């Protein structure tokens, strides 16, 4: 069982920082490459860029909670929730982030 996890390509869990503008403020988010890939998949499904998706998520969590605490962790959990919602027979979308880098 552990082979599935242990044999993961190290590039997937390597962290990468990305700067983006949220509500007029330039901020930097540091996430694992696989999280960036999943966010790109979610954005593609919704017809948005990754930055647009992240901004929309930020605005929605701010509206719902009144504050945004640990946004990077929120994004990681959002990625896991996205993956858990997909039917098991759905193939993974191609990695969009690596193609854009």
PDB file of N, CA and C in Angstrom:
ATOM      1  N   UNK A   1       0.813  -1.191   0.000  1.00  0.00           N
ATOM      2  CA  UNK A   1       0.000   0.000   0.000  1.00  0.00           C
ATOM      3  C   UNK A   1       0.862   1.263   0.000  1.00  0.00           C
ATOM      4  N   UNK A   2       1.893   1.288   0.780  1.00  0.00           N
ATOM      5  CA  UNK A   2       2.712   2.502   0.893  1.00  0.00           C
ATOM      6  C   UNK A   2       3.440   2.843  -0.401  1.00  0.00           C
ATOM      7  N   UNK A   3       3.627   1.857  -1.286  1.00  0.00           N
ATOM      8  CA  UNK A   3       4.322   2.127  -2.543  1.00  0.00           C
ATOM      9  C   UNK A   3       3.627   3.222  -3.335  1.00  0.00           C
ATOM     10  N   UNK A   4       2.318   3.232  -3.283  1.00  0.00           N
ATOM     11  CA  UNK A   4       1.562   4.260  -3.990  1.00  0.00           C
ATOM     12  C   UNK A   4       2.030   5.648  -3.576  1.00  0.00           C
ATOM     13  N   UNK A   5       2.317   5.826  -2.322  1.00  0.00           N
ATOM     14  CA  UNK A   5       2.727   7.128  -1.790  1.00  0.00           C
ATOM     15  C   UNK A   5       4.234   7.325  -1.871  1.00  0.00           C
ATOM     16  N   UNK A   6       4.979   6.307  -1.517  1.00  0.00           N
ATOM     17  CA  UNK A   6       6.437   6.410  -1.458  1.00  0.00           C
ATOM     18  C   UNK A   6       7.037   6.622  -2.843  1.00  0.00           C
ATOM     19  N   UNK A   7       6.427   6.043  -3.852  1.00  0.00           N
ATOM     20  CA  UNK A   7       6.972   6.140  -5.209  1.00  0.00           C
ATOM     21  C   UNK A   7       6.492   7.380  -5.962  1.00  0.00           C
ATOM     22  N   UNK A   8       5.825   8.280  -5.266  1.00  0.00           N
ATOM     23  CA  UNK A   8       5.373   9.521  -5.915  1.00  0.00           C
ATOM     24  C   UNK A   8       6.583  10.304  -6.404  1.00  0.00           C
ATOM     25  N   UNK A   9       6.449  10.884  -7.555  1.00  0.00           N
ATOM     26  CA  UNK A   9       7.507  11.722  -8.113  1.00  0.00           C
ATOM     27  C   UNK A   9       7.760  12.897  -7.161  1.00  0.00           C
ATOM     28  N   UNK A  10       8.987  13.084  -6.699  1.00  0.00           N
ATOM     29  CA  UNK A  10       9.286  14.179  -5.761  1.00  0.00           C
ATOM     30  C   UNK A  10       8.895  15.561  -6.278  1.00  0.00           C
ATOM     31  N   UNK A  11       8.813  15.730  -7.576  1.00  0.00           N
ATOM     32  CA  UNK A  11       8.411  17.031  -8.119  1.00  0.00           C
ATOM     33  C   UNK A  11       6.984  17.373  -7.691  1.00  0.00           C
ATOM     34  N   UNK A  12       6.156  16.353  -7.433  1.00  0.00           N
ATOM     35  CA  UNK A  12       4.769  16.593  -7.029  1.00  0.00           C
ATOM     36  C   UNK A  12       4.668  17.244  -5.665  1.00  0.00           C
ATOM     37  N   UNK A  13       5.562  16.887  -4.748  1.00  0.00           N
ATOM     38  CA  UNK A  13       5.482  17.473  -3.413  1.00  0.00           C
ATOM     39  C   UNK A  13       6.521  18.571  -3.172  1.00  0.00           C
ATOM     40  N   UNK A  14       7.224  18.941  -4.221  1.00  0.00           N
ATOM     41  CA  UNK A  14       8.104  20.105  -4.138  1.00  0.00           C
ATOM     42  C   UNK A  14       7.221  21.355  -4.098  1.00  0.00           C
ATOM     43  N   UNK A  15       7.562  22.294  -3.241  1.00  0.00           N
ATOM     44  CA  UNK A  15       6.771  23.519  -3.112  1.00  0.00           C
ATOM     45  C   UNK A  15       7.194  24.557  -4.138  1.00  0.00           C
ATOM     46  N   UNK A  16       6.220  25.346  -4.545  1.00  0.00           N
ATOM     47  CA  UNK A  16       6.486  26.431  -5.480  1.00  0.00           C
ATOM     48  C   UNK A  16       5.685  27.647  -5.035  1.00  0.00           C
ATOM     49  N   UNK A  17       6.322  28.785  -5.041  1.00  0.00           N
ATOM     50  CA  UNK A  17       5.648  30.035  -4.689  1.00  0.00           C
ATOM     51  C   UNK A  17       5.131  30.698  -5.951  1.00  0.00           C
ATOM     52  N   UNK A  18       4.004  31.356  -5.788  1.00  0.00           N
ATOM     53  CA  UNK A  18       3.410  32.073  -6.903  1.00  0.00           C
ATOM     54  C   UNK A  18       2.830  33.375  -6.395  1.00  0.00           C
ATOM     55  N   UNK A  19       3.115  34.454  -7.078  1.00  0.00           N
ATOM     56  CA  UNK A  19       2.571  35.754  -6.695  1.00  0.00           C
ATOM     57  C   UNK A  19       1.299  36.015  -7.480  1.00  0.00           C
ATOM     58  N   UNK A  20       0.313  36.571  -6.799  1.00  0.00           N
ATOM     59  CA  UNK A  20      -0.924  36.948  -7.453  1.00  0.00           C
ATOM     60  C   UNK A  20      -1.548  38.111  -6.709  1.00  0.00           C
ATOM     61  N   UNK A  21      -2.489  38.744  -7.356  1.00  0.00           N
ATOM     62  CA  UNK A  21      -3.153  39.905  -6.776  1.00  0.00           C
ATOM     63  C   UNK A  21      -4.535  39.477  -6.309  1.00  0.00           C
ATOM     64  N   UNK A  22      -4.793  39.687  -5.008  1.00  0.00           N
ATOM     65  CA  UNK A  22      -6.104  39.406  -4.429  1.00  0.00           C
ATOM     66  C   UNK A  22      -6.598  40.690  -3.789  1.00  0.00           C
ATOM     67  N   UNK A  23      -7.759  41.162  -4.253  1.00  0.00           N
ATOM     68  CA  UNK A  23      -8.356  42.390  -3.732  1.00  0.00           C
ATOM     69  C   UNK A  23      -7.378  43.569  -3.805  1.00  0.00           C
ATOM     70  N   UNK A  24      -6.618  43.618  -4.884  1.00  0.00           N
ATOM     71  CA  UNK A  24      -5.701  44.726  -5.112  1.00  0.00           C
ATOM     72  C   UNK A  24      -4.364  44.613  -4.400  1.00  0.00           C
ATOM     73  N   UNK A  25      -4.169  43.550  -3.638  1.00  0.00           N
ATOM     74  CA  UNK A  25      -2.924  43.360  -2.891  1.00  0.00           C
ATOM     75  C   UNK A  25      -2.142  42.200  -3.502  1.00  0.00           C
ATOM     76  N   UNK A  26      -0.884  42.439  -3.801  1.00  0.00           N
ATOM     77  CA  UNK A  26      -0.039  41.366  -4.310  1.00  0.00           C
ATOM     78  C   UNK A  26       0.367  40.492  -3.132  1.00  0.00           C
ATOM     79  N   UNK A  27       0.133  39.206  -3.271  1.00  0.00           N
ATOM     80  CA  UNK A  27       0.474  38.258  -2.216  1.00  0.00           C
ATOM     81  C   UNK A  27       1.167  37.057  -2.835  1.00  0.00           C
ATOM     82  N   UNK A  28       1.868  36.313  -2.033  1.00  0.00           N
ATOM     83  CA  UNK A  28       2.554  35.117  -2.498  1.00  0.00           C
ATOM     84  C   UNK A  28       1.978  33.907  -1.784  1.00  0.00           C
ATOM     85  N   UNK A  29       1.664  32.889  -2.564  1.00  0.00           N
ATOM     86  CA  UNK A  29       1.191  31.623  -2.019  1.00  0.00           C
ATOM     87  C   UNK A  29       2.226  30.551  -2.314  1.00  0.00           C
ATOM     88  N   UNK A  30       2.500  29.718  -1.330  1.00  0.00           N
ATOM     89  CA  UNK A  30       3.439  28.617  -1.507  1.00  0.00           C
ATOM     90  C   UNK A  30       2.669  27.319  -1.322  1.00  0.00           C
ATOM     91  N   UNK A  31       2.588  26.541  -2.401  1.00  0.00           N
ATOM     92  CA  UNK A  31       1.891  25.262  -2.391  1.00  0.00           C
ATOM     93  C   UNK A  31       2.739  24.217  -3.108  1.00  0.00           C
ATOM     94  N   UNK A  32       2.419  22.976  -2.857  1.00  0.00           N
ATOM     95  CA  UNK A  32       3.082  21.888  -3.553  1.00  0.00           C
ATOM     96  C   UNK A  32       2.648  21.900  -5.025  1.00  0.00           C
ATOM     97  N   UNK A  33       3.535  21.430  -5.896  1.00  0.00           N
ATOM     98  CA  UNK A  33       3.242  21.414  -7.329  1.00  0.00           C
ATOM     99  C   UNK A  33       1.944  20.678  -7.641  1.00  0.00           C
ATOM    100  N   UNK A  34       1.694  19.575  -6.938  1.00  0.00           N
ATOM    101  CA  UNK A  34       0.467  18.839  -7.219  1.00  0.00           C
ATOM    102  C   UNK A  34      -0.770  19.679  -6.869  1.00  0.00           C
ATOM    103  N   UNK A  35      -0.699  20.471  -5.824  1.00  0.00           N
ATOM    104  CA  UNK A  35      -1.824  21.356  -5.491  1.00  0.00           C
ATOM    105  C   UNK A  35      -2.038  22.385  -6.586  1.00  0.00           C
ATOM    106  N   UNK A  36      -0.961  22.967  -7.103  1.00  0.00           N
ATOM    107  CA  UNK A  36      -1.096  23.919  -8.210  1.00  0.00           C
ATOM    108  C   UNK A  36      -1.749  23.236  -9.413  1.00  0.00           C
ATOM    109  N   UNK A  37      -1.361  21.989  -9.685  1.00  0.00           N
ATOM    110  CA  UNK A  37      -1.952  21.254 -10.806  1.00  0.00           C
ATOM    111  C   UNK A  37      -3.453  21.032 -10.598  1.00  0.00           C
ATOM    112  N   UNK A  38      -3.827  20.657  -9.386  1.00  0.00           N
ATOM    113  CA  UNK A  38      -5.242  20.402  -9.094  1.00  0.00           C
ATOM    114  C   UNK A  38      -6.039  21.704  -9.177  1.00  0.00           C
ATOM    115  N   UNK A  39      -5.492  22.784  -8.654  1.00  0.00           N
ATOM    116  CA  UNK A  39      -6.173  24.077  -8.768  1.00  0.00           C
ATOM    117  C   UNK A  39      -6.368  24.454 -10.235  1.00  0.00           C
ATOM    118  N   UNK A  40      -5.387  24.161 -11.068  1.00  0.00           N
ATOM    119  CA  UNK A  40      -5.516  24.434 -12.506  1.00  0.00           C
ATOM    120  C   UNK A  40      -6.624  23.578 -13.111  1.00  0.00           C
ATOM    121  N   UNK A  41      -6.757  22.349 -12.659  1.00  0.00           N
ATOM    122  CA  UNK A  41      -7.832  21.476 -13.143  1.00  0.00           C
ATOM    123  C   UNK A  41      -9.198  22.018 -12.734  1.00  0.00           C
ATOM    124  N   UNK A  42      -9.314  22.432 -11.476  1.00  0.00           N
ATOM    125  CA  UNK A  42     -10.582  22.997 -10.993  1.00  0.00           C
ATOM    126  C   UNK A  42     -10.925  24.244 -11.808  1.00  0.00           C
ATOM    127  N   UNK A  43      -9.938  25.096 -12.003  1.00  0.00           N
ATOM    128  CA  UNK A  43     -10.153  26.333 -12.764  1.00  0.00           C
ATOM    129  C   UNK A  43     -10.595  26.018 -14.190  1.00  0.00           C
ATOM    130  N   UNK A  44      -9.954  25.039 -14.813  1.00  0.00           N
ATOM    131  CA  UNK A  44     -10.304  24.673 -16.184  1.00  0.00           C
ATOM    132  C   UNK A  44     -11.740  24.166 -16.260  1.00  0.00           C
ATOM    133  N   UNK A  45     -12.151  23.369 -15.301  1.00  0.00           N
ATOM    134  CA  UNK A  45     -13.524  22.864 -15.259  1.00  0.00           C
ATOM    135  C   UNK A  45     -14.508  24.022 -15.164  1.00  0.00           C
ATOM    136  N   UNK A  46     -14.128  25.058 -14.412  1.00  0.00           N
ATOM    137  CA  UNK A  46     -15.000  26.221 -14.216  1.00  0.00           C
ATOM    138  C   UNK A  46     -14.779  27.329 -15.246  1.00  0.00           C
ATOM    139  N   UNK A  47     -13.904  27.093 -16.223  1.00  0.00           N
ATOM    140  CA  UNK A  47     -13.669  28.078 -17.278  1.00  0.00           C
ATOM    141  C   UNK A  47     -12.951  29.323 -16.804  1.00  0.00           C
ATOM    142  N   UNK A  48     -12.040  29.166 -15.850  1.00  0.00           N
ATOM    143  CA  UNK A  48     -11.293  30.299 -15.303  1.00  0.00           C
ATOM    144  C   UNK A  48      -9.802  30.015 -15.355  1.00  0.00           C
ATOM    145  N   UNK A  49      -9.030  31.066 -15.121  1.00  0.00           N
ATOM    146  CA  UNK A  49      -7.597  30.876 -14.891  1.00  0.00           C
ATOM    147  C   UNK A  49      -7.406  30.460 -13.426  1.00  0.00           C
ATOM    148  N   UNK A  50      -6.256  29.953 -13.113  1.00  0.00           N
ATOM    149  CA  UNK A  50      -5.973  29.564 -11.728  1.00  0.00           C
ATOM    150  C   UNK A  50      -6.053  30.778 -10.809  1.00  0.00           C
ATOM    151  N   UNK A  51      -5.505  31.907 -11.251  1.00  0.00           N
ATOM    152  CA  UNK A  51      -5.556  33.114 -10.425  1.00  0.00           C
ATOM    153  C   UNK A  51      -6.993  33.580 -10.200  1.00  0.00           C
ATOM    154  N   UNK A  52      -7.826  33.497 -11.222  1.00  0.00           N
ATOM    155  CA  UNK A  52      -9.230  33.870 -11.053  1.00  0.00           C
ATOM    156  C   UNK A  52      -9.923  32.961 -10.040  1.00  0.00           C
ATOM    157  N   UNK A  53      -9.641  31.661 -10.125  1.00  0.00           N
ATOM    158  CA  UNK A  53     -10.232  30.709  -9.181  1.00  0.00           C
ATOM    159  C   UNK A  53      -9.800  31.027  -7.761  1.00  0.00           C
ATOM    160  N   UNK A  54      -8.515  31.260  -7.553  1.00  0.00           N
ATOM    161  CA  UNK A  54      -8.004  31.531  -6.208  1.00  0.00           C
ATOM    162  C   UNK A  54      -8.633  32.813  -5.654  1.00  0.00           C
ATOM    163  N   UNK A  55      -8.746  33.828  -6.483  1.00  0.00           N
ATOM    164  CA  UNK A  55      -9.368  35.078  -6.045  1.00  0.00           C
ATOM    165  C   UNK A  55     -10.831  34.853  -5.676  1.00  0.00           C
ATOM    166  N   UNK A  56     -11.536  34.090  -6.487  1.00  0.00           N
ATOM    167  CA  UNK A  56     -12.938  33.794  -6.213  1.00  0.00           C
ATOM    168  C   UNK A  56     -13.068  33.018  -4.904  1.00  0.00           C
ATOM    169  N   UNK A  57     -12.222  32.021  -4.681  1.00  0.00           N
ATOM    170  CA  UNK A  57     -12.265  31.253  -3.438  1.00  0.00           C
ATOM    171  C   UNK A  57     -11.984  32.159  -2.238  1.00  0.00           C
ATOM    172  N   UNK A  58     -11.000  33.030  -2.380  1.00  0.00           N
ATOM    173  CA  UNK A  58     -10.671  33.961  -1.299  1.00  0.00           C
ATOM    174  C   UNK A  58     -11.884  34.827  -0.964  1.00  0.00           C
ATOM    175  N   UNK A  59     -12.489  35.412  -1.988  1.00  0.00           N
ATOM    176  CA  UNK A  59     -13.650  36.274  -1.773  1.00  0.00           C
ATOM    177  C   UNK A  59     -14.803  35.510  -1.123  1.00  0.00           C
ATOM    178  N   UNK A  60     -15.031  34.282  -1.572  1.00  0.00           N
ATOM    179  CA  UNK A  60     -16.147  33.505  -1.035  1.00  0.00           C
ATOM    180  C   UNK A  60     -15.911  33.062   0.410  1.00  0.00           C
ATOM    181  N   UNK A  61     -14.687  32.660   0.728  1.00  0.00           N
ATOM    182  CA  UNK A  61     -14.419  32.258   2.116  1.00  0.00           C
ATOM    183  C   UNK A  61     -14.458  33.481   3.027  1.00  0.00           C
ATOM    184  N   UNK A  62     -14.008  34.632   2.538  1.00  0.00           N
ATOM    185  CA  UNK A  62     -14.081  35.868   3.307  1.00  0.00           C
ATOM    186  C   UNK A  62     -15.542  36.238   3.582  1.00  0.00           C
ATOM    187  N   UNK A  63     -16.367  36.129   2.553  1.00  0.00           N
ATOM    188  CA  UNK A  63     -17.788  36.445   2.717  1.00  0.00           C
ATOM    189  C   UNK A  63     -18.464  35.459   3.683  1.00  0.00           C
ATOM    190  N   UNK A  64     -18.134  34.189   3.576  1.00  0.00           N
ATOM    191  CA  UNK A  64     -18.785  33.156   4.389  1.00  0.00           C
ATOM    192  C   UNK A  64     -18.302  33.165   5.835  1.00  0.00           C
ATOM    193  N   UNK A  65     -16.978  33.326   6.034  1.00  0.00           N
ATOM    194  CA  UNK A  65     -16.380  33.236   7.375  1.00  0.00           C
ATOM    195  C   UNK A  65     -16.100  34.588   8.017  1.00  0.00           C
ATOM    196  N   UNK A  66     -16.007  35.642   7.218  1.00  0.00           N
ATOM    197  CA  UNK A  66     -15.696  36.955   7.767  1.00  0.00           C
ATOM    198  C   UNK A  66     -14.210  37.224   7.881  1.00  0.00           C
ATOM    199  N   UNK A  67     -13.399  36.210   7.690  1.00  0.00           N
ATOM    200  CA  UNK A  67     -11.939  36.337   7.697  1.00  0.00           C
ATOM    201  C   UNK A  67     -11.351  35.144   6.959  1.00  0.00           C
ATOM    202  N   UNK A  68     -10.122  35.285   6.552  1.00  0.00           N
ATOM    203  CA  UNK A  68      -9.436  34.198   5.864  1.00  0.00           C
ATOM    204  C   UNK A  68      -8.235  33.811   6.707  1.00  0.00           C
ATOM    205  N   UNK A  69      -8.318  32.641   7.313  1.00  0.00           N
ATOM    206  CA  UNK A  69      -7.245  32.137   8.161  1.00  0.00           C
ATOM    207  C   UNK A  69      -6.557  30.990   7.428  1.00  0.00           C
ATOM    208  N   UNK A  70      -5.240  31.051   7.323  1.00  0.00           N
ATOM    209  CA  UNK A  70      -4.427  30.000   6.709  1.00  0.00           C
ATOM    210  C   UNK A  70      -4.957  29.618   5.325  1.00  0.00           C
ATOM    211  N   UNK A  71      -4.917  30.571   4.427  1.00  0.00           N
ATOM    212  CA  UNK A  71      -5.476  30.393   3.097  1.00  0.00           C
ATOM    213  C   UNK A  71      -4.796  29.266   2.326  1.00  0.00           C
ATOM    214  N   UNK A  72      -3.492  29.101   2.475  1.00  0.00           N
ATOM    215  CA  UNK A  72      -2.788  28.020   1.773  1.00  0.00           C
ATOM    216  C   UNK A  72      -3.338  26.661   2.192  1.00  0.00           C
ATOM    217  N   UNK A  73      -3.573  26.480   3.484  1.00  0.00           N
ATOM    218  CA  UNK A  73      -4.153  25.212   3.944  1.00  0.00           C
ATOM    219  C   UNK A  73      -5.573  25.036   3.420  1.00  0.00           C
ATOM    220  N   UNK A  74      -6.333  26.132   3.393  1.00  0.00           N
ATOM    221  CA  UNK A  74      -7.676  26.088   2.819  1.00  0.00           C
ATOM    222  C   UNK A  74      -7.624  25.592   1.372  1.00  0.00           C
ATOM    223  N   UNK A  75      -6.652  26.093   0.593  1.00  0.00           N
ATOM    224  CA  UNK A  75      -6.531  25.668  -0.803  1.00  0.00           C
ATOM    225  C   UNK A  75      -6.158  24.196  -0.904  1.00  0.00           C
ATOM    226  N   UNK A  76      -5.267  23.721  -0.026  1.00  0.00           N
ATOM    227  CA  UNK A  76      -4.909  22.300  -0.035  1.00  0.00           C
ATOM    228  C   UNK A  76      -6.124  21.424   0.251  1.00  0.00           C
ATOM    229  N   UNK A  77      -6.893  21.810   1.253  1.00  0.00           N
ATOM    230  CA  UNK A  77      -8.099  21.050   1.599  1.00  0.00           C
ATOM    231  C   UNK A  77      -9.111  21.128   0.456  1.00  0.00           C
ATOM    232  N   UNK A  78      -9.216  22.267  -0.191  1.00  0.00           N
ATOM    233  CA  UNK A  78     -10.116  22.394  -1.343  1.00  0.00           C
ATOM    234  C   UNK A  78      -9.716  21.412  -2.447  1.00  0.00           C
ATOM    235  N   UNK A  79      -8.414  21.257  -2.658  1.00  0.00           N
ATOM    236  CA  UNK A  79      -7.927  20.296  -3.657  1.00  0.00           C
ATOM    237  C   UNK A  79      -8.335  18.876  -3.276  1.00  0.00           C
ATOM    238  N   UNK A  80      -8.158  18.529  -2.008  1.00  0.00           N
ATOM    239  CA  UNK A  80      -8.530  17.183  -1.561  1.00  0.00           C
ATOM    240  C   UNK A  80     -10.029  16.961  -1.687  1.00  0.00           C
ATOM    241  N   UNK A  81     -10.810  17.975  -1.360  1.00  0.00           N
ATOM    242  CA  UNK A  81     -12.271  17.855  -1.481  1.00  0.00           C
ATOM    243  C   UNK A  81     -12.681  17.692  -2.944  1.00  0.00           C
ATOM    244  N   UNK A  82     -12.028  18.419  -3.842  1.00  0.00           N
ATOM    245  CA  UNK A  82     -12.296  18.276  -5.272  1.00  0.00           C
ATOM    246  C   UNK A  82     -12.032  16.843  -5.718  1.00  0.00           C
ATOM    247  N   UNK A  83     -10.880  16.308  -5.315  1.00  0.00           N
ATOM    248  CA  UNK A  83     -10.535  14.940  -5.716  1.00  0.00           C
ATOM    249  C   UNK A  83     -11.500  13.915  -5.124  1.00  0.00           C
ATOM    250  N   UNK A  84     -11.939  14.137  -3.893  1.00  0.00           N
ATOM    251  CA  UNK A  84     -12.835  13.173  -3.250  1.00  0.00           C
ATOM    252  C   UNK A  84     -14.240  13.208  -3.851  1.00  0.00           C
ATOM    253  N   UNK A  85     -14.605  14.295  -4.526  1.00  0.00           N
ATOM    254  CA  UNK A  85     -15.926  14.435  -5.132  1.00  0.00           C
ATOM    255  C   UNK A  85     -16.018  13.799  -6.518  1.00  0.00           C
ATOM    256  N   UNK A  86     -14.861  13.561  -7.118  1.00  0.00           N
ATOM    257  CA  UNK A  86     -14.858  13.004  -8.477  1.00  0.00           C
ATOM    258  C   UNK A  86     -15.190  11.517  -8.441  1.00  0.00           C
ATOM    259  N   UNK A  87     -15.967  11.058  -9.406  1.00  0.00           N
ATOM    260  CA  UNK A  87     -16.217   9.615  -9.491  1.00  0.00           C
ATOM    261  C   UNK A  87     -14.904   8.885  -9.735  1.00  0.00           C
ATOM    262  N   UNK A  88     -14.781   7.692  -9.214  1.00  0.00           N
ATOM    263  CA  UNK A  88     -13.519   6.947  -9.305  1.00  0.00           C
ATOM    264  C   UNK A  88     -13.162   6.580 -10.743  1.00  0.00           C
ATOM    265  N   UNK A  89     -14.139   6.592 -11.657  1.00  0.00           N
ATOM    266  CA  UNK A  89     -13.844   6.229 -13.040  1.00  0.00           C
ATOM    267  C   UNK A  89     -13.429   7.423 -13.908  1.00  0.00           C
ATOM    268  N   UNK A  90     -13.351   8.621 -13.320  1.00  0.00           N
ATOM    269  CA  UNK A  90     -12.947   9.802 -14.080  1.00  0.00           C
ATOM    270  C   UNK A  90     -11.431   9.842 -14.161  1.00  0.00           C
ATOM    271  N   UNK A  91     -10.928   9.957 -15.378  1.00  0.00           N
ATOM    272  CA  UNK A  91      -9.475  10.051 -15.564  1.00  0.00           C
ATOM    273  C   UNK A  91      -8.995  11.425 -15.165  1.00  0.00           C
ATOM    274  N   UNK A  92      -7.764  11.485 -14.713  1.00  0.00           N
ATOM    275  CA  UNK A  92      -7.170  12.769 -14.336  1.00  0.00           C
ATOM    276  C   UNK A  92      -6.983  13.631 -15.563  1.00  0.00           C
ATOM    277  N   UNK A  93      -7.303  14.915 -15.427  1.00  0.00           N
ATOM    278  CA  UNK A  93      -7.057  15.860 -16.502  1.00  0.00           C
ATOM    279  C   UNK A  93      -5.560  16.058 -16.672  1.00  0.00           C
ATOM    280  N   UNK A  94      -5.104  16.405 -17.830  1.00  0.00           N
ATOM    281  CA  UNK A  94      -3.663  16.633 -18.008  1.00  0.00           C
ATOM    282  C   UNK A  94      -3.183  17.760 -17.107  1.00  0.00           C
ATOM    283  N   UNK A  95      -1.940  17.669 -16.730  1.00  0.00           N
ATOM    284  CA  UNK A  95      -1.344  18.685 -15.874  1.00  0.00           C
ATOM    285  C   UNK A  95      -1.209  19.982 -16.652  1.00  0.00           C
ATOM    286  N   UNK A  96      -2.019  20.969 -16.283  1.00  0.00           N
ATOM    287  CA  UNK A  96      -2.004  22.244 -16.993  1.00  0.00           C
ATOM    288  C   UNK A  96      -0.895  23.148 -16.496  1.00  0.00           C
ATOM    289  N   UNK A  97      -0.600  23.083 -15.208  1.00  0.00           N
ATOM    290  CA  UNK A  97       0.393  23.989 -14.626  1.00  0.00           C
ATOM    291  C   UNK A  97       1.774  23.752 -15.225  1.00  0.00           C
ATOM    292  N   UNK A  98       2.201  22.525 -15.341  1.00  0.00           N
ATOM    293  CA  UNK A  98       3.532  22.272 -15.848  1.00  0.00           C
ATOM    294  C   UNK A  98       3.643  22.726 -17.289  1.00  0.00           C
ATOM    295  N   UNK A  99       2.542  22.640 -18.025  1.00  0.00           N
ATOM    296  CA  UNK A  99       2.556  23.106 -19.411  1.00  0.00           C
ATOM    297  C   UNK A  99       2.689  24.619 -19.484  1.00  0.00           C
ATOM    298  N   UNK A 100       2.181  25.327 -18.458  1.00  0.00           N
ATOM    299  CA  UNK A 100       2.234  26.786 -18.442  1.00  0.00           C
ATOM    300  C   UNK A 100       3.555  27.305 -17.917  1.00  0.00           C
ATOM    301  N   UNK A 101       4.270  26.504 -17.156  1.00  0.00           N
ATOM    302  CA  UNK A 101       5.510  26.968 -16.508  1.00  0.00           C
ATOM    303  C   UNK A 101       6.624  27.147 -17.497  1.00  0.00           C
TER     304      UNK A 101
END
